PDB file of N, CA and C in Angstrom:
ATOM      1  N   UNK A   1     -16.100  13.280   3.836  1.00  0.00           N
ATOM      2  CA  UNK A   1     -16.150  11.855   4.116  1.00  0.00           C
ATOM      3  C   UNK A   1     -14.784  11.189   3.915  1.00  0.00           C
ATOM      4  N   UNK A   2     -14.032  11.622   2.921  1.00  0.00           N
ATOM      5  CA  UNK A   2     -12.707  11.050   2.684  1.00  0.00           C
ATOM      6  C   UNK A   2     -11.790  11.391   3.851  1.00  0.00           C
ATOM      7  N   UNK A   3     -11.904  12.626   4.352  1.00  0.00           N
ATOM      8  CA  UNK A   3     -11.088  13.036   5.500  1.00  0.00           C
ATOM      9  C   UNK A   3     -11.408  12.200   6.731  1.00  0.00           C
ATOM     10  N   UNK A   4     -12.688  11.897   6.942  1.00  0.00           N
ATOM     11  CA  UNK A   4     -13.089  11.064   8.082  1.00  0.00           C
ATOM     12  C   UNK A   4     -12.511   9.655   7.947  1.00  0.00           C
ATOM     13  N   UNK A   5     -12.579   9.105   6.754  1.00  0.00           N
ATOM     14  CA  UNK A   5     -12.027   7.764   6.514  1.00  0.00           C
ATOM     15  C   UNK A   5     -10.518   7.764   6.739  1.00  0.00           C
ATOM     16  N   UNK A   6      -9.845   8.821   6.290  1.00  0.00           N
ATOM     17  CA  UNK A   6      -8.392   8.925   6.475  1.00  0.00           C
ATOM     18  C   UNK A   6      -8.041   9.044   7.955  1.00  0.00           C
ATOM     19  N   UNK A   7      -8.845   9.796   8.701  1.00  0.00           N
ATOM     20  CA  UNK A   7      -8.605   9.946  10.141  1.00  0.00           C
ATOM     21  C   UNK A   7      -8.758   8.597  10.846  1.00  0.00           C
ATOM     22  N   UNK A   8      -9.838   7.879  10.548  1.00  0.00           N
ATOM     23  CA  UNK A   8     -10.053   6.557  11.152  1.00  0.00           C
ATOM     24  C   UNK A   8      -8.909   5.606  10.790  1.00  0.00           C
ATOM     25  N   UNK A   9      -8.434   5.698   9.552  1.00  0.00           N
ATOM     26  CA  UNK A   9      -7.317   4.878   9.085  1.00  0.00           C
ATOM     27  C   UNK A   9      -6.066   5.191   9.895  1.00  0.00           C
ATOM     28  N   UNK A  10      -5.788   6.469  10.117  1.00  0.00           N
ATOM     29  CA  UNK A  10      -4.618   6.880  10.901  1.00  0.00           C
ATOM     30  C   UNK A  10      -4.710   6.379  12.338  1.00  0.00           C
ATOM     31  N   UNK A  11      -5.890   6.489  12.939  1.00  0.00           N
ATOM     32  CA  UNK A  11      -6.090   6.013  14.314  1.00  0.00           C
ATOM     33  C   UNK A  11      -5.881   4.506  14.380  1.00  0.00           C
ATOM     34  N   UNK A  12      -6.389   3.788  13.395  1.00  0.00           N
ATOM     35  CA  UNK A  12      -6.216   2.333  13.342  1.00  0.00           C
ATOM     36  C   UNK A  12      -4.734   1.977  13.256  1.00  0.00           C
ATOM     37  N   UNK A  13      -3.966   2.725  12.449  1.00  0.00           N
ATOM     38  CA  UNK A  13      -2.526   2.487  12.334  1.00  0.00           C
ATOM     39  C   UNK A  13      -1.810   2.745  13.650  1.00  0.00           C
ATOM     40  N   UNK A  14      -2.231   3.771  14.378  1.00  0.00           N
ATOM     41  CA  UNK A  14      -1.612   4.089  15.672  1.00  0.00           C
ATOM     42  C   UNK A  14      -1.873   2.969  16.672  1.00  0.00           C
ATOM     43  N   UNK A  15      -3.083   2.423  16.651  1.00  0.00           N
ATOM     44  CA  UNK A  15      -3.462   1.369  17.597  1.00  0.00           C
ATOM     45  C   UNK A  15      -2.851   0.015  17.248  1.00  0.00           C
ATOM     46  N   UNK A  16      -2.575  -0.222  15.984  1.00  0.00           N
ATOM     47  CA  UNK A  16      -2.077  -1.526  15.526  1.00  0.00           C
ATOM     48  C   UNK A  16      -0.703  -1.363  14.900  1.00  0.00           C
ATOM     49  N   UNK A  17       0.303  -1.902  15.551  1.00  0.00           N
ATOM     50  CA  UNK A  17       1.683  -1.740  15.078  1.00  0.00           C
ATOM     51  C   UNK A  17       2.116  -2.822  14.086  1.00  0.00           C
ATOM     52  N   UNK A  18       1.397  -3.939  14.036  1.00  0.00           N
ATOM     53  CA  UNK A  18       1.835  -5.030  13.154  1.00  0.00           C
ATOM     54  C   UNK A  18       1.292  -4.837  11.736  1.00  0.00           C
ATOM     55  N   UNK A  19       2.122  -5.132  10.762  1.00  0.00           N
ATOM     56  CA  UNK A  19       1.798  -4.917   9.353  1.00  0.00           C
ATOM     57  C   UNK A  19       0.586  -5.725   8.916  1.00  0.00           C
ATOM     58  N   UNK A  20       0.453  -6.945   9.409  1.00  0.00           N
ATOM     59  CA  UNK A  20      -0.656  -7.803   8.994  1.00  0.00           C
ATOM     60  C   UNK A  20      -1.998  -7.175   9.353  1.00  0.00           C
ATOM     61  N   UNK A  21      -2.145  -6.702  10.593  1.00  0.00           N
ATOM     62  CA  UNK A  21      -3.398  -6.067  11.011  1.00  0.00           C
ATOM     63  C   UNK A  21      -3.629  -4.783  10.231  1.00  0.00           C
ATOM     64  N   UNK A  22      -2.571  -4.016  10.039  1.00  0.00           N
ATOM     65  CA  UNK A  22      -2.710  -2.767   9.288  1.00  0.00           C
ATOM     66  C   UNK A  22      -3.224  -3.040   7.878  1.00  0.00           C
ATOM     67  N   UNK A  23      -2.667  -4.062   7.225  1.00  0.00           N
ATOM     68  CA  UNK A  23      -3.077  -4.373   5.856  1.00  0.00           C
ATOM     69  C   UNK A  23      -4.465  -4.990   5.799  1.00  0.00           C
ATOM     70  N   UNK A  24      -4.736  -5.943   6.681  1.00  0.00           N
ATOM     71  CA  UNK A  24      -5.993  -6.682   6.615  1.00  0.00           C
ATOM     72  C   UNK A  24      -7.167  -5.922   7.206  1.00  0.00           C
ATOM     73  N   UNK A  25      -6.928  -5.106   8.237  1.00  0.00           N
ATOM     74  CA  UNK A  25      -8.027  -4.421   8.913  1.00  0.00           C
ATOM     75  C   UNK A  25      -8.098  -2.946   8.517  1.00  0.00           C
ATOM     76  N   UNK A  26      -7.050  -2.199   8.820  1.00  0.00           N
ATOM     77  CA  UNK A  26      -7.070  -0.746   8.612  1.00  0.00           C
ATOM     78  C   UNK A  26      -7.262  -0.385   7.143  1.00  0.00           C
ATOM     79  N   UNK A  27      -6.457  -0.969   6.280  1.00  0.00           N
ATOM     80  CA  UNK A  27      -6.535  -0.639   4.858  1.00  0.00           C
ATOM     81  C   UNK A  27      -7.845  -1.128   4.244  1.00  0.00           C
ATOM     82  N   UNK A  28      -8.276  -2.332   4.614  1.00  0.00           N
ATOM     83  CA  UNK A  28      -9.542  -2.862   4.091  1.00  0.00           C
ATOM     84  C   UNK A  28     -10.716  -1.998   4.527  1.00  0.00           C
ATOM     85  N   UNK A  29     -10.707  -1.575   5.799  1.00  0.00           N
ATOM     86  CA  UNK A  29     -11.778  -0.714   6.300  1.00  0.00           C
ATOM     87  C   UNK A  29     -11.815   0.613   5.549  1.00  0.00           C
ATOM     88  N   UNK A  30     -10.648   1.182   5.274  1.00  0.00           N
ATOM     89  CA  UNK A  30     -10.620   2.461   4.570  1.00  0.00           C
ATOM     90  C   UNK A  30     -11.168   2.319   3.153  1.00  0.00           C
ATOM     91  N   UNK A  31     -10.783   1.260   2.457  1.00  0.00           N
ATOM     92  CA  UNK A  31     -11.298   1.044   1.102  1.00  0.00           C
ATOM     93  C   UNK A  31     -12.815   0.886   1.132  1.00  0.00           C
ATOM     94  N   UNK A  32     -13.323   0.130   2.113  1.00  0.00           N
ATOM     95  CA  UNK A  32     -14.775  -0.056   2.239  1.00  0.00           C
ATOM     96  C   UNK A  32     -15.464   1.276   2.516  1.00  0.00           C
ATOM     97  N   UNK A  33     -14.898   2.082   3.443  1.00  0.00           N
ATOM     98  CA  UNK A  33     -15.495   3.385   3.744  1.00  0.00           C
ATOM     99  C   UNK A  33     -15.499   4.292   2.516  1.00  0.00           C
ATOM    100  N   UNK A  34     -14.431   4.267   1.744  1.00  0.00           N
ATOM    101  CA  UNK A  34     -14.379   5.095   0.536  1.00  0.00           C
ATOM    102  C   UNK A  34     -15.422   4.640  -0.481  1.00  0.00           C
ATOM    103  N   UNK A  35     -15.605   3.328  -0.606  1.00  0.00           N
ATOM    104  CA  UNK A  35     -16.602   2.797  -1.536  1.00  0.00           C
ATOM    105  C   UNK A  35     -18.028   3.100  -1.088  1.00  0.00           C
ATOM    106  N   UNK A  36     -18.230   3.223   0.232  1.00  0.00           N
ATOM    107  CA  UNK A  36     -19.571   3.417   0.786  1.00  0.00           C
ATOM    108  C   UNK A  36     -19.989   4.880   0.922  1.00  0.00           C
ATOM    109  N   UNK A  37     -19.212   5.815   0.403  1.00  0.00           N
ATOM    110  CA  UNK A  37     -19.588   7.229   0.493  1.00  0.00           C
ATOM    111  C   UNK A  37     -20.838   7.442  -0.364  1.00  0.00           C
ATOM    112  N   UNK A  38     -21.943   7.893   0.280  1.00  0.00           N
ATOM    113  CA  UNK A  38     -23.172   8.103  -0.490  1.00  0.00           C
ATOM    114  C   UNK A  38     -23.097   9.415  -1.280  1.00  0.00           C
ATOM    115  N   UNK A  39     -23.452   9.375  -2.536  1.00  0.00           N
ATOM    116  CA  UNK A  39     -23.460  10.564  -3.400  1.00  0.00           C
ATOM    117  C   UNK A  39     -22.188  11.398  -3.269  1.00  0.00           C
ATOM    118  N   UNK A  40     -21.030  10.834  -3.612  1.00  0.00           N
ATOM    119  CA  UNK A  40     -19.777  11.581  -3.446  1.00  0.00           C
ATOM    120  C   UNK A  40     -19.721  12.815  -4.352  1.00  0.00           C
ATOM    121  N   UNK A  41     -19.140  13.878  -3.814  1.00  0.00           N
ATOM    122  CA  UNK A  41     -18.940  15.091  -4.606  1.00  0.00           C
ATOM    123  C   UNK A  41     -17.820  14.832  -5.611  1.00  0.00           C
ATOM    124  N   UNK A  42     -17.631  15.760  -6.524  1.00  0.00           N
ATOM    125  CA  UNK A  42     -16.547  15.614  -7.504  1.00  0.00           C
ATOM    126  C   UNK A  42     -15.210  15.546  -6.786  1.00  0.00           C
ATOM    127  N   UNK A  43     -15.041  16.389  -5.770  1.00  0.00           N
ATOM    128  CA  UNK A  43     -13.792  16.382  -5.003  1.00  0.00           C
ATOM    129  C   UNK A  43     -13.575  15.028  -4.325  1.00  0.00           C
ATOM    130  N   UNK A  44     -14.638  14.479  -3.716  1.00  0.00           N
ATOM    131  CA  UNK A  44     -14.525  13.173  -3.060  1.00  0.00           C
ATOM    132  C   UNK A  44     -14.202  12.080  -4.076  1.00  0.00           C
ATOM    133  N   UNK A  45     -14.764  12.175  -5.261  1.00  0.00           N
ATOM    134  CA  UNK A  45     -14.454  11.194  -6.309  1.00  0.00           C
ATOM    135  C   UNK A  45     -12.988  11.280  -6.717  1.00  0.00           C
ATOM    136  N   UNK A  46     -12.489  12.509  -6.854  1.00  0.00           N
ATOM    137  CA  UNK A  46     -11.077  12.694  -7.205  1.00  0.00           C
ATOM    138  C   UNK A  46     -10.165  12.173  -6.101  1.00  0.00           C
ATOM    139  N   UNK A  47     -10.478  12.535  -4.852  1.00  0.00           N
ATOM    140  CA  UNK A  47      -9.659  12.069  -3.728  1.00  0.00           C
ATOM    141  C   UNK A  47      -9.677  10.551  -3.650  1.00  0.00           C
ATOM    142  N   UNK A  48     -10.857   9.982  -3.843  1.00  0.00           N
ATOM    143  CA  UNK A  48     -10.998   8.527  -3.794  1.00  0.00           C
ATOM    144  C   UNK A  48     -10.206   7.871  -4.922  1.00  0.00           C
ATOM    145  N   UNK A  49     -10.212   8.500  -6.105  1.00  0.00           N
ATOM    146  CA  UNK A  49      -9.477   7.961  -7.251  1.00  0.00           C
ATOM    147  C   UNK A  49      -7.971   7.969  -7.015  1.00  0.00           C
ATOM    148  N   UNK A  50      -7.495   8.879  -6.193  1.00  0.00           N
ATOM    149  CA  UNK A  50      -6.065   8.943  -5.874  1.00  0.00           C
ATOM    150  C   UNK A  50      -5.723   7.994  -4.730  1.00  0.00           C
ATOM    151  N   UNK A  51      -6.547   8.002  -3.691  1.00  0.00           N
ATOM    152  CA  UNK A  51      -6.237   7.271  -2.458  1.00  0.00           C
ATOM    153  C   UNK A  51      -6.409   5.758  -2.608  1.00  0.00           C
ATOM    154  N   UNK A  52      -7.485   5.309  -3.257  1.00  0.00           N
ATOM    155  CA  UNK A  52      -7.762   3.869  -3.325  1.00  0.00           C
ATOM    156  C   UNK A  52      -6.642   3.046  -3.948  1.00  0.00           C
ATOM    157  N   UNK A  53      -6.063   3.445  -5.087  1.00  0.00           N
ATOM    158  CA  UNK A  53      -4.970   2.638  -5.642  1.00  0.00           C
ATOM    159  C   UNK A  53      -3.751   2.571  -4.721  1.00  0.00           C
ATOM    160  N   UNK A  54      -3.493   3.656  -4.013  1.00  0.00           N
ATOM    161  CA  UNK A  54      -2.358   3.665  -3.082  1.00  0.00           C
ATOM    162  C   UNK A  54      -2.616   2.698  -1.935  1.00  0.00           C
ATOM    163  N   UNK A  55      -3.806   2.763  -1.356  1.00  0.00           N
ATOM    164  CA  UNK A  55      -4.154   1.868  -0.243  1.00  0.00           C
ATOM    165  C   UNK A  55      -4.161   0.419  -0.720  1.00  0.00           C
ATOM    166  N   UNK A  56      -4.693   0.171  -1.907  1.00  0.00           N
ATOM    167  CA  UNK A  56      -4.708  -1.201  -2.433  1.00  0.00           C
ATOM    168  C   UNK A  56      -3.293  -1.726  -2.639  1.00  0.00           C
ATOM    169  N   UNK A  57      -2.408  -0.878  -3.127  1.00  0.00           N
ATOM    170  CA  UNK A  57      -1.011  -1.289  -3.309  1.00  0.00           C
ATOM    171  C   UNK A  57      -0.360  -1.576  -1.966  1.00  0.00           C
ATOM    172  N   UNK A  58      -0.599  -0.713  -0.979  1.00  0.00           N
ATOM    173  CA  UNK A  58      -0.060  -0.940   0.364  1.00  0.00           C
ATOM    174  C   UNK A  58      -0.623  -2.226   0.947  1.00  0.00           C
ATOM    175  N   UNK A  59      -1.917  -2.437   0.742  1.00  0.00           N
ATOM    176  CA  UNK A  59      -2.570  -3.630   1.271  1.00  0.00           C
ATOM    177  C   UNK A  59      -2.000  -4.890   0.619  1.00  0.00           C
ATOM    178  N   UNK A  60      -1.764  -4.817  -0.682  1.00  0.00           N
ATOM    179  CA  UNK A  60      -1.241  -5.970  -1.413  1.00  0.00           C
ATOM    180  C   UNK A  60       0.198  -6.281  -1.029  1.00  0.00           C
ATOM    181  N   UNK A  61       1.041  -5.259  -1.028  1.00  0.00           N
ATOM    182  CA  UNK A  61       2.461  -5.479  -0.806  1.00  0.00           C
ATOM    183  C   UNK A  61       2.933  -5.075   0.569  1.00  0.00           C
ATOM    184  N   UNK A  62       2.175  -4.251   1.263  1.00  0.00           N
ATOM    185  CA  UNK A  62       2.565  -3.791   2.591  1.00  0.00           C
ATOM    186  C   UNK A  62       3.832  -2.982   2.551  1.00  0.00           C
ATOM    187  N   UNK A  63       3.913  -1.967   3.361  1.00  0.00           N
ATOM    188  CA  UNK A  63       5.141  -1.199   3.452  1.00  0.00           C
ATOM    189  C   UNK A  63       6.032  -1.956   4.424  1.00  0.00           C
ATOM    190  N   UNK A  64       7.143  -2.403   3.957  1.00  0.00           N
ATOM    191  CA  UNK A  64       8.026  -3.194   4.800  1.00  0.00           C
ATOM    192  C   UNK A  64       7.678  -4.669   4.794  1.00  0.00           C
ATOM    193  N   UNK A  65       6.787  -5.071   3.898  1.00  0.00           N
ATOM    194  CA  UNK A  65       6.436  -6.483   3.843  1.00  0.00           C
ATOM    195  C   UNK A  65       7.551  -7.257   3.151  1.00  0.00           C
ATOM    196  N   UNK A  66       7.477  -8.532   3.230  1.00  0.00           N
ATOM    197  CA  UNK A  66       8.533  -9.372   2.678  1.00  0.00           C
ATOM    198  C   UNK A  66       8.330  -9.560   1.178  1.00  0.00           C
ATOM    199  N   UNK A  67       9.411  -9.377   0.437  1.00  0.00           N
ATOM    200  CA  UNK A  67       9.420  -9.577  -1.009  1.00  0.00           C
ATOM    201  C   UNK A  67      10.529 -10.571  -1.315  1.00  0.00           C
ATOM    202  N   UNK A  68      10.302 -11.421  -2.305  1.00  0.00           N
ATOM    203  CA  UNK A  68      11.294 -12.439  -2.644  1.00  0.00           C
ATOM    204  C   UNK A  68      12.569 -11.795  -3.178  1.00  0.00           C
ATOM    205  N   UNK A  69      13.712 -12.178  -2.599  1.00  0.00           N
ATOM    206  CA  UNK A  69      15.023 -11.696  -3.039  1.00  0.00           C
ATOM    207  C   UNK A  69      15.691 -12.817  -3.831  1.00  0.00           C
ATOM    208  N   UNK A  70      16.054 -12.524  -5.074  1.00  0.00           N
ATOM    209  CA  UNK A  70      16.684 -13.543  -5.923  1.00  0.00           C
ATOM    210  C   UNK A  70      18.049 -13.957  -5.393  1.00  0.00           C
ATOM    211  N   UNK A  71      18.779 -13.021  -4.801  1.00  0.00           N
ATOM    212  CA  UNK A  71      20.121 -13.315  -4.297  1.00  0.00           C
ATOM    213  C   UNK A  71      20.062 -14.178  -3.027  1.00  0.00           C
ATOM    214  N   UNK A  72      19.183 -13.806  -2.089  1.00  0.00           N
ATOM    215  CA  UNK A  72      19.053 -14.555  -0.828  1.00  0.00           C
ATOM    216  C   UNK A  72      18.213 -15.827  -0.997  1.00  0.00           C
ATOM    217  N   UNK A  73      17.434 -15.886  -2.068  1.00  0.00           N
ATOM    218  CA  UNK A  73      16.536 -17.004  -2.355  1.00  0.00           C
ATOM    219  C   UNK A  73      15.524 -17.242  -1.240  1.00  0.00           C
ATOM    220  N   UNK A  74      15.005 -16.127  -0.698  1.00  0.00           N
ATOM    221  CA  UNK A  74      13.973 -16.190   0.324  1.00  0.00           C
ATOM    222  C   UNK A  74      13.242 -14.850   0.368  1.00  0.00           C
ATOM    223  N   UNK A  75      12.105 -14.817   1.044  1.00  0.00           N
ATOM    224  CA  UNK A  75      11.383 -13.565   1.236  1.00  0.00           C
ATOM    225  C   UNK A  75      12.051 -12.783   2.363  1.00  0.00           C
ATOM    226  N   UNK A  76      12.420 -11.534   2.094  1.00  0.00           N
ATOM    227  CA  UNK A  76      13.071 -10.683   3.091  1.00  0.00           C
ATOM    228  C   UNK A  76      12.405  -9.314   3.112  1.00  0.00           C
ATOM    229  N   UNK A  77      12.658  -8.555   4.190  1.00  0.00           N
ATOM    230  CA  UNK A  77      12.138  -7.197   4.289  1.00  0.00           C
ATOM    231  C   UNK A  77      12.904  -6.277   3.354  1.00  0.00           C
ATOM    232  N   UNK A  78      12.272  -5.152   3.009  1.00  0.00           N
ATOM    233  CA  UNK A  78      12.880  -4.179   2.102  1.00  0.00           C
ATOM    234  C   UNK A  78      13.110  -2.859   2.817  1.00  0.00           C
ATOM    235  N   UNK A  79      14.075  -2.086   2.303  1.00  0.00           N
ATOM    236  CA  UNK A  79      14.276  -0.728   2.795  1.00  0.00           C
ATOM    237  C   UNK A  79      14.302   0.202   1.591  1.00  0.00           C
ATOM    238  N   UNK A  80      14.185   1.488   1.844  1.00  0.00           N
ATOM    239  CA  UNK A  80      14.163   2.506   0.783  1.00  0.00           C
ATOM    240  C   UNK A  80      13.104   2.187  -0.269  1.00  0.00           C
ATOM    241  N   UNK A  81      11.914   1.810   0.188  1.00  0.00           N
ATOM    242  CA  UNK A  81      10.835   1.439  -0.726  1.00  0.00           C
ATOM    243  C   UNK A  81      10.280   2.690  -1.405  1.00  0.00           C
ATOM    244  N   UNK A  82      10.175   2.629  -2.726  1.00  0.00           N
ATOM    245  CA  UNK A  82       9.616   3.719  -3.524  1.00  0.00           C
ATOM    246  C   UNK A  82       8.595   3.144  -4.494  1.00  0.00           C
ATOM    247  N   UNK A  83       7.557   3.909  -4.750  1.00  0.00           N
ATOM    248  CA  UNK A  83       6.585   3.510  -5.772  1.00  0.00           C
ATOM    249  C   UNK A  83       6.999   4.161  -7.078  1.00  0.00           C
ATOM    250  N   UNK A  84       6.873   3.423  -8.174  1.00  0.00           N
ATOM    251  CA  UNK A  84       7.333   3.892  -9.477  1.00  0.00           C
ATOM    252  C   UNK A  84       6.391   3.332 -10.544  1.00  0.00           C
ATOM    253  N   UNK A  85       6.685   3.618 -11.781  1.00  0.00           N
ATOM    254  CA  UNK A  85       5.923   3.090 -12.908  1.00  0.00           C
ATOM    255  C   UNK A  85       6.896   2.434 -13.880  1.00  0.00           C
ATOM    256  N   UNK A  86       6.541   1.248 -14.341  1.00  0.00           N
ATOM    257  CA  UNK A  86       7.407   0.542 -15.291  1.00  0.00           C
ATOM    258  C   UNK A  86       7.323   1.202 -16.666  1.00  0.00           C
ATOM    259  N   UNK A  87       8.175   0.765 -17.585  1.00  0.00           N
ATOM    260  CA  UNK A  87       8.198   1.336 -18.936  1.00  0.00           C
ATOM    261  C   UNK A  87       6.869   1.165 -19.660  1.00  0.00           C
ATOM    262  N   UNK A  88       6.144   0.091 -19.337  1.00  0.00           N
ATOM    263  CA  UNK A  88       4.854  -0.127 -19.991  1.00  0.00           C
ATOM    264  C   UNK A  88       3.681   0.438 -19.186  1.00  0.00           C
ATOM    265  N   UNK A  89       3.980   1.269 -18.185  1.00  0.00           N
ATOM    266  CA  UNK A  89       2.936   1.979 -17.449  1.00  0.00           C
ATOM    267  C   UNK A  89       2.346   1.256 -16.256  1.00  0.00           C
ATOM    268  N   UNK A  90       2.899   0.122 -15.870  1.00  0.00           N
ATOM    269  CA  UNK A  90       2.365  -0.616 -14.719  1.00  0.00           C
ATOM    270  C   UNK A  90       2.947  -0.072 -13.421  1.00  0.00           C
ATOM    271  N   UNK A  91       2.117   0.042 -12.387  1.00  0.00           N
ATOM    272  CA  UNK A  91       2.649   0.494 -11.100  1.00  0.00           C
ATOM    273  C   UNK A  91       3.576  -0.560 -10.508  1.00  0.00           C
ATOM    274  N   UNK A  92       4.660  -0.121  -9.904  1.00  0.00           N
ATOM    275  CA  UNK A  92       5.617  -1.050  -9.315  1.00  0.00           C
ATOM    276  C   UNK A  92       6.236  -0.453  -8.059  1.00  0.00           C
ATOM    277  N   UNK A  93       6.920  -1.284  -7.312  1.00  0.00           N
ATOM    278  CA  UNK A  93       7.587  -0.885  -6.090  1.00  0.00           C
ATOM    279  C   UNK A  93       9.053  -1.276  -6.207  1.00  0.00           C
ATOM    280  N   UNK A  94       9.943  -0.361  -5.812  1.00  0.00           N
ATOM    281  CA  UNK A  94      11.379  -0.631  -5.837  1.00  0.00           C
ATOM    282  C   UNK A  94      11.924  -0.492  -4.427  1.00  0.00           C
ATOM    283  N   UNK A  95      12.973  -1.239  -4.123  1.00  0.00           N
ATOM    284  CA  UNK A  95      13.598  -1.160  -2.814  1.00  0.00           C
ATOM    285  C   UNK A  95      14.882  -1.962  -2.783  1.00  0.00           C
ATOM    286  N   UNK A  96      15.417  -2.128  -1.567  1.00  0.00           N
ATOM    287  CA  UNK A  96      16.644  -2.901  -1.378  1.00  0.00           C
ATOM    288  C   UNK A  96      16.404  -3.964  -0.322  1.00  0.00           C
ATOM    289  N   UNK A  97      17.043  -5.109  -0.496  1.00  0.00           N
ATOM    290  CA  UNK A  97      16.961  -6.200   0.466  1.00  0.00           C
ATOM    291  C   UNK A  97      17.690  -5.783   1.739  1.00  0.00           C
ATOM    292  N   UNK A  98      17.045  -5.966   2.885  1.00  0.00           N
ATOM    293  CA  UNK A  98      17.684  -5.636   4.162  1.00  0.00           C
ATOM    294  C   UNK A  98      18.827  -6.582   4.490  1.00  0.00           C
ATOM    295  N   UNK A  99      18.765  -7.817   3.991  1.00  0.00           N
ATOM    296  CA  UNK A  99      19.788  -8.808   4.327  1.00  0.00           C
ATOM    297  C   UNK A  99      21.057  -8.670   3.491  1.00  0.00           C
ATOM    298  N   UNK A 100      20.913  -8.548   2.162  1.00  0.00           N
ATOM    299  CA  UNK A 100      22.108  -8.538   1.305  1.00  0.00           C
ATOM    300  C   UNK A 100      22.349  -7.204   0.608  1.00  0.00           C
ATOM    301  N   UNK A 101      21.373  -6.303   0.633  1.00  0.00           N
ATOM    302  CA  UNK A 101      21.543  -4.988   0.025  1.00  0.00           C
ATOM    303  C   UNK A 101      21.301  -4.936  -1.472  1.00  0.00           C
ATOM    304  N   UNK A 102      20.867  -6.042  -2.080  1.00  0.00           N
ATOM    305  CA  UNK A 102      20.635  -6.023  -3.527  1.00  0.00           C
ATOM    306  C   UNK A 102      19.337  -5.281  -3.846  1.00  0.00           C
ATOM    307  N   UNK A 103      19.299  -4.704  -5.056  1.00  0.00           N
ATOM    308  CA  UNK A 103      18.104  -3.993  -5.498  1.00  0.00           C
ATOM    309  C   UNK A 103      17.033  -5.004  -5.863  1.00  0.00           C
ATOM    310  N   UNK A 104      15.785  -4.596  -5.704  1.00  0.00           N
ATOM    311  CA  UNK A 104      14.670  -5.462  -6.065  1.00  0.00           C
ATOM    312  C   UNK A 104      13.494  -4.618  -6.497  1.00  0.00           C
ATOM    313  N   UNK A 105      12.587  -5.220  -7.215  1.00  0.00           N
ATOM    314  CA  UNK A 105      11.373  -4.526  -7.621  1.00  0.00           C
ATOM    315  C   UNK A 105      10.241  -5.537  -7.721  1.00  0.00           C
ATOM    316  N   UNK A 106       9.037  -5.039  -7.574  1.00  0.00           N
ATOM    317  CA  UNK A 106       7.850  -5.878  -7.693  1.00  0.00           C
ATOM    318  C   UNK A 106       6.812  -5.102  -8.483  1.00  0.00           C
ATOM    319  N   UNK A 107       6.169  -5.756  -9.439  1.00  0.00           N
ATOM    320  CA  UNK A 107       5.140  -5.126 -10.259  1.00  0.00           C
ATOM    321  C   UNK A 107       3.792  -5.430  -9.635  1.00  0.00           C
ATOM    322  N   UNK A 108       2.932  -4.411  -9.530  1.00  0.00           N
ATOM    323  CA  UNK A 108       1.585  -4.593  -8.997  1.00  0.00           C
ATOM    324  C   UNK A 108       0.717  -5.179 -10.095  1.00  0.00           C
ATOM    325  N   UNK A 109       0.055  -6.279  -9.806  1.00  0.00           N
ATOM    326  CA  UNK A 109      -0.859  -6.900 -10.765  1.00  0.00           C
ATOM    327  C   UNK A 109      -2.269  -6.506 -10.402  1.00  0.00           C
ATOM    328  N   UNK A 110      -3.068  -6.230 -11.404  1.00  0.00           N
ATOM    329  CA  UNK A 110      -4.448  -5.788 -11.169  1.00  0.00           C
ATOM    330  C   UNK A 110      -5.342  -6.959 -10.915  1.00  0.00           C
TER     331      UNK A 110
END
């Protein structure tokens, strides 16, 4: 079931090139499908436990979505985006501003 949800998610991404639709439709649909798996096996539970936080983070922040840049004083796109963990264990995203090249990071809030 997780593989089917992932396949549908991939097809949705291929059909929709804009980040907003990908985040609001494709990612939301995948999370719903993962939640709706009836009687998940242990493997499906493990896969779901790995995939859901990643999809939620992508949905929240989007890959290539705009993040506030302190130097530019506006929301700009990021490049070289990486997911990381802060010193206190919170998931975060690091990248560089496309406009000025300064480093930036954003902490995921639960």
